[in-house]
All heavy atoms as atom14 arrays in JSON, in Angstrom:
{
  "sequence": "SNLQHYHQALEMVSRDDLPWDRFLTHRFKLQDM",
  "atom14_mask": [
    [1, 1, 1, 1, 1, 1, 0, 0, 0, 0, 0, 0, 0, 0],
    [1, 1, 1, 1, 1, 1, 1, 1, 0, 0, 0, 0, 0, 0],
    [1, 1, 1, 1, 1, 1, 1, 1, 0, 0, 0, 0, 0, 0],
    [1, 1, 1, 1, 1, 1, 1, 1, 1, 0, 0, 0, 0, 0],
    [1, 1, 1, 1, 1, 1, 1, 1, 1, 1, 0, 0, 0, 0],
    [1, 1, 1, 1, 1, 1, 1, 1, 1, 1, 1, 1, 0, 0],
    [1, 1, 1, 1, 1, 1, 1, 1, 1, 1, 0, 0, 0, 0],
    [1, 1, 1, 1, 1, 1, 1, 1, 1, 0, 0, 0, 0, 0],
    [1, 1, 1, 1, 1, 0, 0, 0, 0, 0, 0, 0, 0, 0],
    [1, 1, 1, 1, 1, 1, 1, 1, 0, 0, 0, 0, 0, 0],
    [1, 1, 1, 1, 1, 1, 1, 1, 1, 0, 0, 0, 0, 0],
    [1, 1, 1, 1, 1, 1, 1, 1, 0, 0, 0, 0, 0, 0],
    [1, 1, 1, 1, 1, 1, 1, 0, 0, 0, 0, 0, 0, 0],
    [1, 1, 1, 1, 1, 1, 0, 0, 0, 0, 0, 0, 0, 0],
    [1, 1, 1, 1, 1, 1, 1, 1, 1, 1, 1, 0, 0, 0],
    [1, 1, 1, 1, 1, 1, 1, 1, 0, 0, 0, 0, 0, 0],
    [1, 1, 1, 1, 1, 1, 1, 1, 0, 0, 0, 0, 0, 0],
    [1, 1, 1, 1, 1, 1, 1, 1, 0, 0, 0, 0, 0, 0],
    [1, 1, 1, 1, 1, 1, 1, 0, 0, 0, 0, 0, 0, 0],
    [1, 1, 1, 1, 1, 1, 1, 1, 1, 1, 1, 1, 1, 1],
    [1, 1, 1, 1, 1, 1, 1, 1, 0, 0, 0, 0, 0, 0],
    [1, 1, 1, 1, 1, 1, 1, 1, 1, 1, 1, 0, 0, 0],
    [1, 1, 1, 1, 1, 1, 1, 1, 1, 1, 1, 0, 0, 0],
    [1, 1, 1, 1, 1, 1, 1, 1, 0, 0, 0, 0, 0, 0],
    [1, 1, 1, 1, 1, 1, 1, 0, 0, 0, 0, 0, 0, 0],
    [1, 1, 1, 1, 1, 1, 1, 1, 1, 1, 0, 0, 0, 0],
    [1, 1, 1, 1, 1, 1, 1, 1, 1, 1, 1, 0, 0, 0],
    [1, 1, 1, 1, 1, 1, 1, 1, 1, 1, 1, 0, 0, 0],
    [1, 1, 1, 1, 1, 1, 1, 1, 1, 0, 0, 0, 0, 0],
    [1, 1, 1, 1, 1, 1, 1, 1, 0, 0, 0, 0, 0, 0],
    [1, 1, 1, 1, 1, 1, 1, 1, 1, 0, 0, 0, 0, 0],
    [1, 1, 1, 1, 1, 1, 1, 1, 0, 0, 0, 0, 0, 0],
    [1, 1, 1, 1, 1, 1, 1, 1, 0, 0, 0, 0, 0, 0]
  ],
  "atom14_positions": [
    [[0.81, -1.24, 0.01], [-0.06, -0.02, 0.01], [0.89, 1.25, -0.01], [2.08, 1.26, 0.58], [-0.93, -0.02, 1.24], [-1.78, -1.11, 1.26], [0.0, 0.0, 0.0], [0.0, 0.0, 0.0], [0.0, 0.0, 0.0], [0.0, 0.0, 0.0], [0.0, 0.0, 0.0], [0.0, 0.0, 0.0], [0.0, 0.0, 0.0], [0.0, 0.0, 0.0]],
    [[0.31, 2.26, -0.56], [0.94, 3.61, -0.53], [-0.01, 4.64, 0.03], [-1.17, 4.33, 0.29], [1.59, 4.02, -1.81], [0.53, 4.15, -2.93], [-0.53, 4.64, -2.73], [0.88, 3.78, -4.11], [0.0, 0.0, 0.0], [0.0, 0.0, 0.0], [0.0, 0.0, 0.0], [0.0, 0.0, 0.0], [0.0, 0.0, 0.0], [0.0, 0.0, 0.0]],
    [[0.38, 5.84, 0.25], [-0.43, 6.89, 0.85], [-1.66, 7.13, 0.01], [-2.73, 7.36, 0.56], [0.41, 8.19, 0.94], [-0.26, 9.34, 1.69], [-0.68, 8.98, 2.98], [0.64, 10.58, 1.62], [0.0, 0.0, 0.0], [0.0, 0.0, 0.0], [0.0, 0.0, 0.0], [0.0, 0.0, 0.0], [0.0, 0.0, 0.0], [0.0, 0.0, 0.0]],
    [[-1.6, 7.03, -1.32], [-2.78, 7.24, -2.23], [-3.82, 6.19, -1.84], [-4.97, 6.37, -1.83], [-2.42, 7.24, -3.67], [-3.61, 7.34, -4.55], [-3.23, 7.28, -6.06], [-2.1, 7.22, -6.4], [-4.2, 7.21, -6.96], [0.0, 0.0, 0.0], [0.0, 0.0, 0.0], [0.0, 0.0, 0.0], [0.0, 0.0, 0.0], [0.0, 0.0, 0.0]],
    [[-3.43, 4.93, -1.66], [-4.31, 3.88, -1.36], [-5.15, 4.18, -0.02], [-6.25, 3.96, 0.13], [-3.67, 2.59, -1.2], [-3.02, 2.03, -2.32], [-1.85, 1.56, -2.54], [-3.5, 2.0, -3.73], [-1.55, 1.21, -3.69], [-2.57, 1.5, -4.46], [0.0, 0.0, 0.0], [0.0, 0.0, 0.0], [0.0, 0.0, 0.0], [0.0, 0.0, 0.0]],
    [[-4.37, 4.66, 0.92], [-5.02, 5.08, 2.25], [-6.02, 6.1, 1.99], [-7.09, 6.11, 2.62], [-3.97, 5.51, 3.33], [-3.24, 4.31, 3.75], [-1.86, 4.22, 3.49], [-3.71, 3.35, 4.58], [-1.12, 3.11, 3.89], [-3.05, 2.31, 5.09], [-1.74, 2.17, 4.73], [-0.96, 1.11, 5.13], [0.0, 0.0, 0.0], [0.0, 0.0, 0.0]],
    [[-5.72, 7.21, 1.23], [-6.65, 8.28, 0.93], [-7.83, 7.74, 0.11], [-8.98, 8.07, 0.48], [-5.94, 9.28, 0.16], [-5.1, 10.19, 0.89], [-5.41, 11.07, 1.87], [-3.59, 10.25, 0.79], [-4.36, 11.71, 2.41], [-3.29, 11.18, 1.82], [0.0, 0.0, 0.0], [0.0, 0.0, 0.0], [0.0, 0.0, 0.0], [0.0, 0.0, 0.0]],
    [[-7.66, 6.76, -0.69], [-8.79, 6.23, -1.47], [-9.67, 5.45, -0.55], [-10.89, 5.48, -0.63], [-8.18, 5.28, -2.64], [-7.64, 6.07, -3.73], [-7.04, 5.15, -4.81], [-6.63, 4.06, -4.4], [-6.77, 5.69, -5.93], [0.0, 0.0, 0.0], [0.0, 0.0, 0.0], [0.0, 0.0, 0.0], [0.0, 0.0, 0.0], [0.0, 0.0, 0.0]],
    [[-9.19, 4.68, 0.34], [-10.0, 3.86, 1.27], [-10.76, 4.79, 2.19], [-11.85, 4.53, 2.52], [-9.03, 2.88, 2.15], [0.0, 0.0, 0.0], [0.0, 0.0, 0.0], [0.0, 0.0, 0.0], [0.0, 0.0, 0.0], [0.0, 0.0, 0.0], [0.0, 0.0, 0.0], [0.0, 0.0, 0.0], [0.0, 0.0, 0.0], [0.0, 0.0, 0.0]],
    [[-10.15, 5.84, 2.67], [-10.84, 6.87, 3.57], [-11.88, 7.42, 2.85], [-13.08, 7.57, 3.41], [-9.82, 7.91, 4.03], [-10.4, 8.96, 4.94], [-11.03, 8.34, 6.16], [-9.4, 9.93, 5.29], [0.0, 0.0, 0.0], [0.0, 0.0, 0.0], [0.0, 0.0, 0.0], [0.0, 0.0, 0.0], [0.0, 0.0, 0.0], [0.0, 0.0, 0.0]],
    [[-11.74, 7.79, 1.54], [-12.88, 8.44, 0.75], [-13.99, 7.33, 0.61], [-15.23, 7.69, 0.72], [-12.4, 8.8, -0.6], [-11.59, 10.14, -0.56], [-10.95, 10.5, -1.9], [-11.6, 10.0, -2.92], [-9.93, 11.08, -1.94], [0.0, 0.0, 0.0], [0.0, 0.0, 0.0], [0.0, 0.0, 0.0], [0.0, 0.0, 0.0], [0.0, 0.0, 0.0]],
    [[-13.65, 6.1, 0.33], [-14.61, 5.06, 0.16], [-15.46, 4.87, 1.31], [-16.7, 4.75, 1.4], [-14.05, 3.69, -0.24], [-13.45, 3.84, -1.66], [-12.5, 2.36, -2.15], [-13.82, 1.1, -2.38], [0.0, 0.0, 0.0], [0.0, 0.0, 0.0], [0.0, 0.0, 0.0], [0.0, 0.0, 0.0], [0.0, 0.0, 0.0], [0.0, 0.0, 0.0]],
    [[-14.8, 4.83, 2.56], [-15.49, 4.73, 3.84], [-16.41, 5.89, 4.14], [-17.51, 5.7, 4.56], [-14.47, 4.41, 4.95], [-15.14, 4.49, 6.34], [-13.78, 3.06, 4.85], [0.0, 0.0, 0.0], [0.0, 0.0, 0.0], [0.0, 0.0, 0.0], [0.0, 0.0, 0.0], [0.0, 0.0, 0.0], [0.0, 0.0, 0.0], [0.0, 0.0, 0.0]],
    [[-15.8, 7.1, 3.9], [-16.58, 8.17, 4.16], [-17.9, 8.37, 3.25], [-18.9, 8.97, 3.71], [-15.72, 9.53, 4.1], [-15.37, 9.7, 2.79], [0.0, 0.0, 0.0], [0.0, 0.0, 0.0], [0.0, 0.0, 0.0], [0.0, 0.0, 0.0], [0.0, 0.0, 0.0], [0.0, 0.0, 0.0], [0.0, 0.0, 0.0], [0.0, 0.0, 0.0]],
    [[-17.79, 7.82, 2.04], [-18.98, 7.92, 1.18], [-19.83, 6.65, 1.37], [-20.86, 6.5, 0.72], [-18.49, 7.88, -0.29], [-17.88, 9.24, -0.74], [-17.68, 9.23, -2.24], [-17.07, 7.91, -2.77], [-15.91, 7.84, -3.15], [-15.01, 8.82, -3.14], [-15.45, 6.59, -3.65], [0.0, 0.0, 0.0], [0.0, 0.0, 0.0], [0.0, 0.0, 0.0]],
    [[-19.52, 5.77, 2.21], [-20.1, 4.51, 2.42], [-20.12, 3.64, 1.27], [-21.01, 2.8, 1.07], [-21.68, 4.79, 2.9], [-21.93, 4.01, 4.18], [-21.16, 3.47, 4.78], [-23.18, 4.13, 4.62], [0.0, 0.0, 0.0], [0.0, 0.0, 0.0], [0.0, 0.0, 0.0], [0.0, 0.0, 0.0], [0.0, 0.0, 0.0], [0.0, 0.0, 0.0]],
    [[-19.16, 3.75, 0.37], [-18.93, 2.91, -0.68], [-18.21, 1.59, -0.41], [-18.16, 0.65, -1.18], [-18.07, 3.64, -1.77], [-18.76, 4.65, -2.58], [-19.99, 4.84, -2.26], [-18.11, 5.49, -3.16], [0.0, 0.0, 0.0], [0.0, 0.0, 0.0], [0.0, 0.0, 0.0], [0.0, 0.0, 0.0], [0.0, 0.0, 0.0], [0.0, 0.0, 0.0]],
    [[-17.57, 1.51, 0.81], [-16.97, 0.3, 1.21], [-17.79, -0.35, 2.32], [-17.98, 0.25, 3.33], [-15.55, 0.68, 1.74], [-14.63, -0.34, 2.1], [-14.1, -1.31, 0.93], [-13.43, 0.2, 2.73], [0.0, 0.0, 0.0], [0.0, 0.0, 0.0], [0.0, 0.0, 0.0], [0.0, 0.0, 0.0], [0.0, 0.0, 0.0], [0.0, 0.0, 0.0]],
    [[-18.1, -1.63, 2.18], [-18.85, -2.32, 3.15], [-18.02, -2.83, 4.29], [-17.81, -4.0, 4.52], [-19.47, -3.6, 2.4], [-18.41, -3.81, 1.27], [-17.79, -2.51, 0.92], [0.0, 0.0, 0.0], [0.0, 0.0, 0.0], [0.0, 0.0, 0.0], [0.0, 0.0, 0.0], [0.0, 0.0, 0.0], [0.0, 0.0, 0.0], [0.0, 0.0, 0.0]],
    [[-17.4, -1.82, 5.03], [-16.48, -2.14, 6.09], [-17.01, -3.03, 7.16], [-16.31, -3.74, 7.74], [-15.95, -0.79, 6.62], [-17.05, 0.11, 7.23], [-17.75, 1.11, 6.62], [-17.56, -0.03, 8.66], [-18.73, 1.58, 7.35], [-18.65, 0.86, 8.58], [-17.46, -0.83, 9.68], [-19.32, 1.14, 9.77], [-18.03, -0.49, 10.89], [-19.11, 0.39, 10.84]],
    [[-18.34, -2.98, 7.42], [-18.92, -3.74, 8.42], [-18.9, -5.25, 8.14], [-18.95, -6.19, 8.98], [-20.34, -3.37, 8.63], [-21.2, -3.37, 7.54], [-20.71, -3.09, 6.36], [-22.42, -3.6, 7.75], [0.0, 0.0, 0.0], [0.0, 0.0, 0.0], [0.0, 0.0, 0.0], [0.0, 0.0, 0.0], [0.0, 0.0, 0.0], [0.0, 0.0, 0.0]],
    [[-18.65, -5.64, 6.84], [-18.58, -7.11, 6.51], [-17.15, -7.66, 6.9], [-17.08, -8.84, 6.97], [-18.73, -7.21, 5.0], [-20.21, -6.94, 4.55], [-20.4, -7.2, 3.06], [-19.47, -7.99, 2.33], [-19.27, -7.98, 0.97], [-20.02, -7.16, 0.37], [-18.42, -8.84, 0.46], [0.0, 0.0, 0.0], [0.0, 0.0, 0.0], [0.0, 0.0, 0.0]],
    [[-16.19, -6.78, 7.16], [-15.0, -7.22, 7.62], [-14.84, -7.45, 9.16], [-13.97, -8.08, 9.64], [-13.86, -6.26, 7.18], [-13.71, -6.03, 5.7], [-14.18, -4.9, 5.19], [-13.23, -7.11, 4.95], [-14.2, -4.72, 3.76], [-13.1, -6.9, 3.54], [-13.64, -5.73, 3.05], [0.0, 0.0, 0.0], [0.0, 0.0, 0.0], [0.0, 0.0, 0.0]],
    [[-15.76, -6.94, 9.94], [-15.82, -7.11, 11.35], [-16.29, -8.47, 11.64], [-17.31, -8.89, 11.28], [-16.87, -6.12, 11.92], [-16.55, -4.6, 11.75], [-17.58, -3.78, 12.39], [-15.15, -4.27, 12.19], [0.0, 0.0, 0.0], [0.0, 0.0, 0.0], [0.0, 0.0, 0.0], [0.0, 0.0, 0.0], [0.0, 0.0, 0.0], [0.0, 0.0, 0.0]],
    [[-15.54, -9.21, 12.4], [-15.82, -10.55, 12.77], [-16.18, -10.62, 14.27], [-16.8, -11.6, 14.6], [-14.67, -11.61, 12.47], [-13.57, -11.04, 13.16], [-14.31, -11.56, 11.05], [0.0, 0.0, 0.0], [0.0, 0.0, 0.0], [0.0, 0.0, 0.0], [0.0, 0.0, 0.0], [0.0, 0.0, 0.0], [0.0, 0.0, 0.0], [0.0, 0.0, 0.0]],
    [[-15.8, -9.68, 15.12], [-16.11, -9.73, 16.49], [-16.34, -8.23, 16.95], [-15.76, -7.34, 16.49], [-14.89, -10.24, 17.28], [-14.58, -11.65, 17.03], [-13.85, -12.09, 15.91], [-14.88, -12.77, 17.66], [-13.79, -13.35, 15.98], [-14.33, -13.77, 16.94], [0.0, 0.0, 0.0], [0.0, 0.0, 0.0], [0.0, 0.0, 0.0], [0.0, 0.0, 0.0]],
    [[-17.39, -8.19, 17.82], [-17.78, -6.87, 18.42], [-17.88, -7.17, 19.97], [-18.68, -7.99, 20.24], [-19.01, -6.36, 17.86], [-19.44, -4.93, 18.19], [-20.65, -4.5, 17.49], [-20.54, -4.4, 16.06], [-20.22, -3.31, 15.43], [-19.91, -2.13, 16.08], [-20.1, -3.35, 14.06], [0.0, 0.0, 0.0], [0.0, 0.0, 0.0], [0.0, 0.0, 0.0]],
    [[-17.27, -6.39, 20.74], [-17.26, -6.45, 22.09], [-17.68, -5.19, 22.87], [-17.48, -4.12, 22.45], [-15.94, -6.82, 22.71], [-15.32, -8.22, 22.1], [-14.59, -8.23, 20.94], [-15.67, -9.33, 22.68], [-14.04, -9.34, 20.56], [-15.16, -10.53, 22.2], [-14.38, -10.56, 21.09], [0.0, 0.0, 0.0], [0.0, 0.0, 0.0], [0.0, 0.0, 0.0]],
    [[-18.39, -5.43, 23.96], [-18.68, -4.27, 24.87], [-17.41, -3.94, 25.61], [-16.5, -4.69, 25.7], [-19.72, -4.56, 25.79], [-21.06, -4.85, 25.17], [-21.79, -3.66, 24.85], [-23.17, -4.04, 24.38], [-23.78, -2.97, 23.72], [0.0, 0.0, 0.0], [0.0, 0.0, 0.0], [0.0, 0.0, 0.0], [0.0, 0.0, 0.0], [0.0, 0.0, 0.0]],
    [[-17.29, -2.69, 26.12], [-16.09, -2.23, 26.87], [-15.85, -3.1, 28.03], [-14.62, -3.45, 28.32], [-16.32, -0.82, 27.34], [-15.15, -0.16, 27.98], [-13.97, -0.1, 27.07], [-15.32, 1.29, 28.39], [0.0, 0.0, 0.0], [0.0, 0.0, 0.0], [0.0, 0.0, 0.0], [0.0, 0.0, 0.0], [0.0, 0.0, 0.0], [0.0, 0.0, 0.0]],
    [[-16.74, -3.47, 28.73], [-16.58, -4.47, 29.92], [-16.08, -5.81, 29.51], [-15.64, -6.5, 30.39], [-17.85, -4.66, 30.69], [-18.98, -5.24, 30.08], [-19.97, -4.16, 29.43], [-19.6, -3.01, 29.23], [-21.29, -4.61, 29.32], [0.0, 0.0, 0.0], [0.0, 0.0, 0.0], [0.0, 0.0, 0.0], [0.0, 0.0, 0.0], [0.0, 0.0, 0.0]],
    [[-16.11, -6.19, 28.21], [-15.47, -7.51, 27.85], [-14.24, -7.26, 27.04], [-13.74, -8.12, 26.25], [-16.5, -8.14, 26.76], [-17.87, -8.48, 27.48], [-17.89, -8.87, 28.57], [-18.9, -8.4, 26.73], [0.0, 0.0, 0.0], [0.0, 0.0, 0.0], [0.0, 0.0, 0.0], [0.0, 0.0, 0.0], [0.0, 0.0, 0.0], [0.0, 0.0, 0.0]],
    [[-13.51, -6.26, 27.37], [-12.19, -5.9, 26.78], [-11.2, -7.19, 26.96], [-10.46, -7.47, 26.09], [-11.58, -4.65, 27.3], [-10.39, -4.27, 26.52], [-9.66, -2.81, 27.23], [-10.83, -1.6, 26.77], [0.0, 0.0, 0.0], [0.0, 0.0, 0.0], [0.0, 0.0, 0.0], [0.0, 0.0, 0.0], [0.0, 0.0, 0.0], [0.0, 0.0, 0.0]]
  ]
}
């Protein structure tokens, strides 16, 4: 990756073009840290 890739990814997430939630495999509450 290079800096341009990070900027492109940020733009995709901010526009909601990237289904980032599909990459989440675990979600925890603060008390389950």
